[in-house]
Amino acid sequence: MLNKDVQYGDIHMISKSLKYFAASVAFVSNSLARDKLMGLASNVSLILYKCTLPIKNYSSVCHADCWNNNLVFKYQVSKRPVDCLLADFQLARINGVVDHFFERNYSLYNVLNQ
């Protein structure tokens, strides 16, 4: 039922996902951080692949598509949200906890930039 990571689970396909890596890193304003990130460029495929591998005793289900249209809210009559659930589990997979960190940061980045 749960598949390996769609984007980074096949190390040979990762390079297609990274075509905008350098352009994204260029937006980092801290020059020290930007230089460190660019220094990882040659190994970033392997790093991302390793981050998505399941880890015995530390893996969990990762939703993998957490964005505003996959959140369903229940509201009170006063229009105040009282409950929330995730929908759309077609990309769900079992991953190590590091991947959850990336997904949460990505989700927060998207929400806060809108």
C-alpha atoms as a PDB file:
ATOM      1  CA  MET A   1       0.000   0.000   0.000  1.00  0.00           C
ATOM      2  CA  LEU A   2       2.734   2.507   0.873  1.00  0.00           C
ATOM      3  CA  ASN A   3       5.387   3.128  -1.756  1.00  0.00           C
ATOM      4  CA  LYS A   4       8.911   4.421  -1.556  1.00  0.00           C
ATOM      5  CA  ASP A   5       9.436   8.128  -1.961  1.00  0.00           C
ATOM      6  CA  VAL A   6       8.235   9.245  -5.399  1.00  0.00           C
ATOM      7  CA  GLN A   7      10.618  12.169  -5.753  1.00  0.00           C
ATOM      8  CA  TYR A   8      13.811  10.934  -4.074  1.00  0.00           C
ATOM      9  CA  GLY A   9      13.328   7.147  -3.683  1.00  0.00           C
ATOM     10  CA  ASP A  10      15.133   6.321  -6.942  1.00  0.00           C
ATOM     11  CA  ILE A  11      18.622   7.793  -6.863  1.00  0.00           C
ATOM     12  CA  HIS A  12      18.808   7.775 -10.678  1.00  0.00           C
ATOM     13  CA  MET A  13      15.739  10.024 -10.985  1.00  0.00           C
ATOM     14  CA  ILE A  14      16.791  12.634  -8.419  1.00  0.00           C
ATOM     15  CA  SER A  15      18.833  14.704 -10.861  1.00  0.00           C
ATOM     16  CA  LYS A  16      15.605  15.579 -12.694  1.00  0.00           C
ATOM     17  CA  SER A  17      14.207  16.971  -9.441  1.00  0.00           C
ATOM     18  CA  LEU A  18      17.285  19.108  -8.822  1.00  0.00           C
ATOM     19  CA  LYS A  19      17.444  21.128 -12.008  1.00  0.00           C
ATOM     20  CA  TYR A  20      16.499  24.258 -10.022  1.00  0.00           C
ATOM     21  CA  PHE A  21      18.843  23.620  -7.076  1.00  0.00           C
ATOM     22  CA  ALA A  22      21.417  26.288  -7.963  1.00  0.00           C
ATOM     23  CA  ALA A  23      18.724  28.845  -8.779  1.00  0.00           C
ATOM     24  CA  SER A  24      17.020  28.173  -5.438  1.00  0.00           C
ATOM     25  CA  VAL A  25      20.268  28.427  -3.488  1.00  0.00           C
ATOM     26  CA  ALA A  26      21.010  31.752  -5.180  1.00  0.00           C
ATOM     27  CA  PHE A  27      18.129  33.267  -3.172  1.00  0.00           C
ATOM     28  CA  VAL A  28      19.839  32.497   0.146  1.00  0.00           C
ATOM     29  CA  SER A  29      20.970  35.883   1.462  1.00  0.00           C
ATOM     30  CA  ASN A  30      23.576  34.584   3.938  1.00  0.00           C
ATOM     31  CA  SER A  31      26.712  34.081   1.820  1.00  0.00           C
ATOM     32  CA  LEU A  32      28.220  31.525   4.224  1.00  0.00           C
ATOM     33  CA  ALA A  33      25.061  29.389   4.128  1.00  0.00           C
ATOM     34  CA  ARG A  34      24.798  29.805   0.346  1.00  0.00           C
ATOM     35  CA  ASP A  35      28.415  28.652  -0.133  1.00  0.00           C
ATOM     36  CA  LYS A  36      27.859  25.626   2.118  1.00  0.00           C
ATOM     37  CA  LEU A  37      24.737  24.648   0.188  1.00  0.00           C
ATOM     38  CA  MET A  38      26.538  24.977  -3.143  1.00  0.00           C
ATOM     39  CA  GLY A  39      29.329  22.825  -1.706  1.00  0.00           C
ATOM     40  CA  LEU A  40      26.743  20.072  -1.222  1.00  0.00           C
ATOM     41  CA  ALA A  41      25.567  20.275  -4.847  1.00  0.00           C
ATOM     42  CA  SER A  42      27.633  17.310  -6.050  1.00  0.00           C
ATOM     43  CA  ASN A  43      26.343  15.091  -3.204  1.00  0.00           C
ATOM     44  CA  VAL A  44      22.810  16.419  -2.786  1.00  0.00           C
ATOM     45  CA  SER A  45      21.257  13.512  -4.714  1.00  0.00           C
ATOM     46  CA  LEU A  46      22.793  10.962  -2.359  1.00  0.00           C
ATOM     47  CA  ILE A  47      21.928  13.074   0.699  1.00  0.00           C
ATOM     48  CA  LEU A  48      18.259  13.347  -0.314  1.00  0.00           C
ATOM     49  CA  TYR A  49      18.093   9.649  -1.164  1.00  0.00           C
ATOM     50  CA  LYS A  50      19.506   8.673   2.243  1.00  0.00           C
ATOM     51  CA  CYS A  51      17.073  11.019   4.006  1.00  0.00           C
ATOM     52  CA  THR A  52      14.106   9.152   2.530  1.00  0.00           C
ATOM     53  CA  LEU A  53      15.203   5.644   3.471  1.00  0.00           C
ATOM     54  CA  PRO A  54      13.147   3.954   6.181  1.00  0.00           C
ATOM     55  CA  ILE A  55      15.016   3.642   9.487  1.00  0.00           C
ATOM     56  CA  LYS A  56      14.259   0.632  11.689  1.00  0.00           C
ATOM     57  CA  ASN A  57      12.397   1.709  14.860  1.00  0.00           C
ATOM     58  CA  TYR A  58      12.333   5.357  13.709  1.00  0.00           C
ATOM     59  CA  SER A  59      10.197   5.329  10.576  1.00  0.00           C
ATOM     60  CA  SER A  60       6.619   6.422  10.251  1.00  0.00           C
ATOM     61  CA  VAL A  61       3.982   7.116   7.643  1.00  0.00           C
ATOM     62  CA  CYS A  62       4.668  10.333   5.758  1.00  0.00           C
ATOM     63  CA  HIS A  63       1.738  12.044   4.002  1.00  0.00           C
ATOM     64  CA  ALA A  64       4.066  13.570   1.369  1.00  0.00           C
ATOM     65  CA  ASP A  65       1.519  15.969  -0.104  1.00  0.00           C
ATOM     66  CA  CYS A  66       0.755  18.323   2.758  1.00  0.00           C
ATOM     67  CA  TRP A  67      -0.603  21.571   1.369  1.00  0.00           C
ATOM     68  CA  ASN A  68      -3.728  23.666   1.954  1.00  0.00           C
ATOM     69  CA  ASN A  69      -5.977  21.786  -0.503  1.00  0.00           C
ATOM     70  CA  ASN A  70      -5.301  18.484   1.290  1.00  0.00           C
ATOM     71  CA  LEU A  71      -6.427  19.833   4.661  1.00  0.00           C
ATOM     72  CA  VAL A  72     -10.119  19.485   5.519  1.00  0.00           C
ATOM     73  CA  PHE A  73     -11.440  21.731   8.283  1.00  0.00           C
ATOM     74  CA  LYS A  74     -14.535  21.405  10.444  1.00  0.00           C
ATOM     75  CA  TYR A  75     -15.997  24.731  11.569  1.00  0.00           C
ATOM     76  CA  GLN A  76     -18.271  25.780  14.406  1.00  0.00           C
ATOM     77  CA  VAL A  77     -21.338  27.839  13.608  1.00  0.00           C
ATOM     78  CA  SER A  78     -19.249  30.899  14.516  1.00  0.00           C
ATOM     79  CA  LYS A  79     -16.930  30.066  11.565  1.00  0.00           C
ATOM     80  CA  ARG A  80     -14.134  29.093  13.954  1.00  0.00           C
ATOM     81  CA  PRO A  81     -12.203  25.947  12.896  1.00  0.00           C
ATOM     82  CA  VAL A  82     -12.439  23.209  15.526  1.00  0.00           C
ATOM     83  CA  ASP A  83     -10.918  20.202  13.771  1.00  0.00           C
ATOM     84  CA  CYS A  84      -8.666  19.357  10.846  1.00  0.00           C
ATOM     85  CA  LEU A  85      -7.742  16.194   8.968  1.00  0.00           C
ATOM     86  CA  LEU A  86      -5.460  15.260   6.089  1.00  0.00           C
ATOM     87  CA  ALA A  87      -6.917  14.046   2.804  1.00  0.00           C
ATOM     88  CA  ASP A  88      -5.379  12.523  -0.354  1.00  0.00           C
ATOM     89  CA  PHE A  89      -2.972   9.771   0.676  1.00  0.00           C
ATOM     90  CA  GLN A  90      -1.881   8.695  -2.820  1.00  0.00           C
ATOM     91  CA  LEU A  91       1.746   9.769  -2.186  1.00  0.00           C
ATOM     92  CA  ALA A  92       1.924   8.415   1.385  1.00  0.00           C
ATOM     93  CA  ARG A  93       4.966   6.313   2.175  1.00  0.00           C
ATOM     94  CA  ILE A  94       7.016   4.989   5.059  1.00  0.00           C
ATOM     95  CA  ASN A  95      10.099   7.128   5.607  1.00  0.00           C
ATOM     96  CA  GLY A  96      12.558   8.117   8.243  1.00  0.00           C
ATOM     97  CA  VAL A  97      11.730  11.068  10.464  1.00  0.00           C
ATOM     98  CA  VAL A  98      14.144  13.353   8.568  1.00  0.00           C
ATOM     99  CA  ASP A  99      11.722  13.402   5.647  1.00  0.00           C
ATOM    100  CA  HIS A 100       8.954  14.653   7.941  1.00  0.00           C
ATOM    101  CA  PHE A 101      11.177  17.579   8.872  1.00  0.00           C
ATOM    102  CA  PHE A 102      11.609  18.465   5.189  1.00  0.00           C
ATOM    103  CA  GLU A 103       7.897  18.103   4.496  1.00  0.00           C
ATOM    104  CA  ARG A 104       6.872  20.306   7.448  1.00  0.00           C
ATOM    105  CA  ASN A 105       9.354  22.999   6.460  1.00  0.00           C
ATOM    106  CA  TYR A 106       8.163  22.878   2.856  1.00  0.00           C
ATOM    107  CA  SER A 107       4.527  23.142   3.968  1.00  0.00           C
ATOM    108  CA  LEU A 108       5.246  26.053   6.304  1.00  0.00           C
ATOM    109  CA  TYR A 109       7.258  27.803   3.597  1.00  0.00           C
ATOM    110  CA  ASN A 110       4.368  27.514   1.131  1.00  0.00           C
ATOM    111  CA  VAL A 111       1.734  28.655   3.618  1.00  0.00           C
ATOM    112  CA  LEU A 112       3.738  31.576   4.971  1.00  0.00           C
ATOM    113  CA  ASN A 113       4.643  32.823   1.501  1.00  0.00           C
ATOM    114  CA  GLN A 114       1.038  33.066   0.337  1.00  0.00           C
END
